[in-house]
């Protein structure tokens, strides 16, 4: 079990967003924002509707 999941008291999956190309500029290109939002929504759908996978 990954350490992040083991550290959670809920036992539920954790979405970890780790970007190796991100900088300190404070802003993301719109394409990256859309990709991040799509990842979060896909995770949400997989948790709310597990049979839809």
N, C-alpha and C. Protein backbone atom coordinates (compact mmCIF):
# COMPACT_ATOMS: atom_id res chain seq x y z
N UNK A 1 0.85 -1.18 0.00
CA UNK A 1 0.00 0.00 0.00
C UNK A 1 0.90 1.24 0.00
N UNK A 2 0.63 2.18 -0.88
CA UNK A 2 1.43 3.41 -0.90
C UNK A 2 1.33 4.17 0.41
N UNK A 3 2.38 4.90 0.75
CA UNK A 3 2.40 5.63 2.03
C UNK A 3 1.28 6.65 2.12
N UNK A 4 0.91 7.28 1.00
CA UNK A 4 -0.15 8.29 1.05
C UNK A 4 -1.48 7.65 1.44
N UNK A 5 -1.76 6.47 0.91
CA UNK A 5 -3.01 5.79 1.26
C UNK A 5 -2.97 5.29 2.70
N UNK A 6 -1.81 4.84 3.14
CA UNK A 6 -1.68 4.36 4.51
C UNK A 6 -1.84 5.50 5.51
N UNK A 7 -1.49 6.72 5.12
CA UNK A 7 -1.60 7.86 6.01
C UNK A 7 -3.03 8.39 6.12
N UNK A 8 -3.91 7.95 5.26
CA UNK A 8 -5.30 8.40 5.28
C UNK A 8 -6.10 7.55 6.26
N UNK A 9 -6.84 8.22 7.11
CA UNK A 9 -7.67 7.50 8.08
C UNK A 9 -8.92 6.91 7.44
N UNK A 10 -9.31 7.42 6.27
CA UNK A 10 -10.56 6.98 5.66
C UNK A 10 -10.45 5.64 4.94
N UNK A 11 -9.25 5.28 4.50
CA UNK A 11 -9.09 4.05 3.74
C UNK A 11 -9.50 4.19 2.28
N UNK A 12 -9.90 5.39 1.89
CA UNK A 12 -10.33 5.65 0.50
C UNK A 12 -9.11 6.01 -0.35
N UNK A 13 -9.21 5.84 -1.66
CA UNK A 13 -8.11 6.22 -2.55
C UNK A 13 -7.82 7.73 -2.47
N UNK A 14 -6.58 8.08 -2.74
CA UNK A 14 -6.15 9.47 -2.71
C UNK A 14 -5.66 9.85 -4.10
N UNK A 15 -6.07 11.02 -4.57
CA UNK A 15 -5.59 11.54 -5.84
C UNK A 15 -4.41 12.45 -5.53
N UNK A 16 -3.23 12.08 -5.98
CA UNK A 16 -2.02 12.87 -5.77
C UNK A 16 -1.64 13.50 -7.10
N UNK A 17 -1.62 14.82 -7.13
CA UNK A 17 -1.22 15.55 -8.34
C UNK A 17 0.22 15.97 -8.16
N UNK A 18 1.10 15.45 -9.01
CA UNK A 18 2.53 15.74 -8.92
C UNK A 18 3.00 16.15 -10.30
N UNK A 19 3.43 17.39 -10.45
CA UNK A 19 3.82 17.92 -11.75
C UNK A 19 5.31 18.24 -11.74
N UNK A 20 6.07 17.51 -12.53
CA UNK A 20 7.52 17.72 -12.58
C UNK A 20 7.90 18.86 -13.50
N UNK A 21 6.94 19.35 -14.29
CA UNK A 21 7.24 20.43 -15.22
C UNK A 21 6.73 21.78 -14.73
N UNK A 22 6.11 21.81 -13.58
CA UNK A 22 5.56 23.05 -13.05
C UNK A 22 6.66 23.96 -12.54
N UNK A 23 6.41 25.24 -12.61
CA UNK A 23 7.38 26.21 -12.13
C UNK A 23 6.82 27.01 -10.98
N UNK A 24 7.46 28.13 -10.71
CA UNK A 24 7.05 28.98 -9.61
C UNK A 24 6.34 30.24 -10.11
N UNK A 25 5.92 30.23 -11.36
CA UNK A 25 5.33 31.43 -11.94
C UNK A 25 3.93 31.72 -11.41
N UNK A 26 3.27 30.72 -10.87
CA UNK A 26 1.94 30.92 -10.31
C UNK A 26 0.81 30.75 -11.30
N UNK A 27 1.11 30.61 -12.56
CA UNK A 27 0.06 30.43 -13.56
C UNK A 27 0.32 29.21 -14.41
N UNK A 28 -0.75 28.59 -14.86
CA UNK A 28 -0.63 27.42 -15.74
C UNK A 28 -1.25 27.75 -17.08
N UNK A 29 -0.68 27.21 -18.15
CA UNK A 29 -1.32 27.38 -19.46
C UNK A 29 -2.71 26.73 -19.44
N UNK A 30 -3.61 27.25 -20.25
CA UNK A 30 -4.99 26.76 -20.27
C UNK A 30 -5.06 25.28 -20.61
N UNK A 31 -4.18 24.80 -21.46
CA UNK A 31 -4.17 23.38 -21.82
C UNK A 31 -3.85 22.52 -20.60
N UNK A 32 -2.92 22.99 -19.77
CA UNK A 32 -2.55 22.26 -18.55
C UNK A 32 -3.69 22.31 -17.53
N UNK A 33 -4.36 23.45 -17.43
CA UNK A 33 -5.51 23.57 -16.53
C UNK A 33 -6.62 22.61 -16.92
N UNK A 34 -6.88 22.51 -18.22
CA UNK A 34 -7.91 21.59 -18.71
C UNK A 34 -7.53 20.15 -18.42
N UNK A 35 -6.27 19.80 -18.66
CA UNK A 35 -5.80 18.44 -18.40
C UNK A 35 -5.92 18.10 -16.91
N UNK A 36 -5.55 19.03 -16.04
CA UNK A 36 -5.65 18.80 -14.60
C UNK A 36 -7.10 18.61 -14.17
N UNK A 37 -7.98 19.44 -14.70
CA UNK A 37 -9.41 19.33 -14.37
C UNK A 37 -9.97 18.01 -14.87
N UNK A 38 -9.58 17.59 -16.07
CA UNK A 38 -10.04 16.31 -16.60
C UNK A 38 -9.57 15.15 -15.73
N UNK A 39 -8.35 15.21 -15.23
CA UNK A 39 -7.84 14.17 -14.33
C UNK A 39 -8.65 14.11 -13.04
N UNK A 40 -8.94 15.28 -12.48
CA UNK A 40 -9.71 15.32 -11.23
C UNK A 40 -11.13 14.80 -11.44
N UNK A 41 -11.75 15.18 -12.55
CA UNK A 41 -13.11 14.71 -12.82
C UNK A 41 -13.15 13.21 -13.09
N UNK A 42 -12.14 12.68 -13.78
CA UNK A 42 -12.08 11.24 -14.03
C UNK A 42 -11.94 10.48 -12.72
N UNK A 43 -11.12 10.99 -11.81
CA UNK A 43 -10.97 10.37 -10.50
C UNK A 43 -12.30 10.41 -9.73
N UNK A 44 -12.95 11.57 -9.76
CA UNK A 44 -14.23 11.73 -9.08
C UNK A 44 -15.27 10.75 -9.60
N UNK A 45 -15.38 10.65 -10.91
CA UNK A 45 -16.35 9.73 -11.52
C UNK A 45 -16.03 8.29 -11.14
N UNK A 46 -14.73 7.94 -11.13
CA UNK A 46 -14.36 6.56 -10.78
C UNK A 46 -14.70 6.22 -9.34
N UNK A 47 -14.76 7.22 -8.47
CA UNK A 47 -15.09 6.99 -7.07
C UNK A 47 -16.60 7.02 -6.82
N UNK A 48 -17.30 7.88 -7.51
CA UNK A 48 -18.75 8.00 -7.31
C UNK A 48 -19.51 6.90 -8.04
N UNK A 49 -19.03 6.55 -9.23
CA UNK A 49 -19.68 5.52 -10.05
C UNK A 49 -18.68 4.42 -10.38
N UNK A 50 -18.31 3.58 -9.41
CA UNK A 50 -17.27 2.57 -9.65
C UNK A 50 -17.62 1.56 -10.75
N UNK A 51 -18.91 1.33 -11.01
CA UNK A 51 -19.30 0.38 -12.05
C UNK A 51 -19.10 0.96 -13.45
N UNK A 52 -18.90 2.27 -13.55
CA UNK A 52 -18.76 2.93 -14.86
C UNK A 52 -17.36 2.79 -15.44
N UNK A 53 -16.46 2.17 -14.71
CA UNK A 53 -15.08 2.06 -15.18
C UNK A 53 -14.96 1.14 -16.32
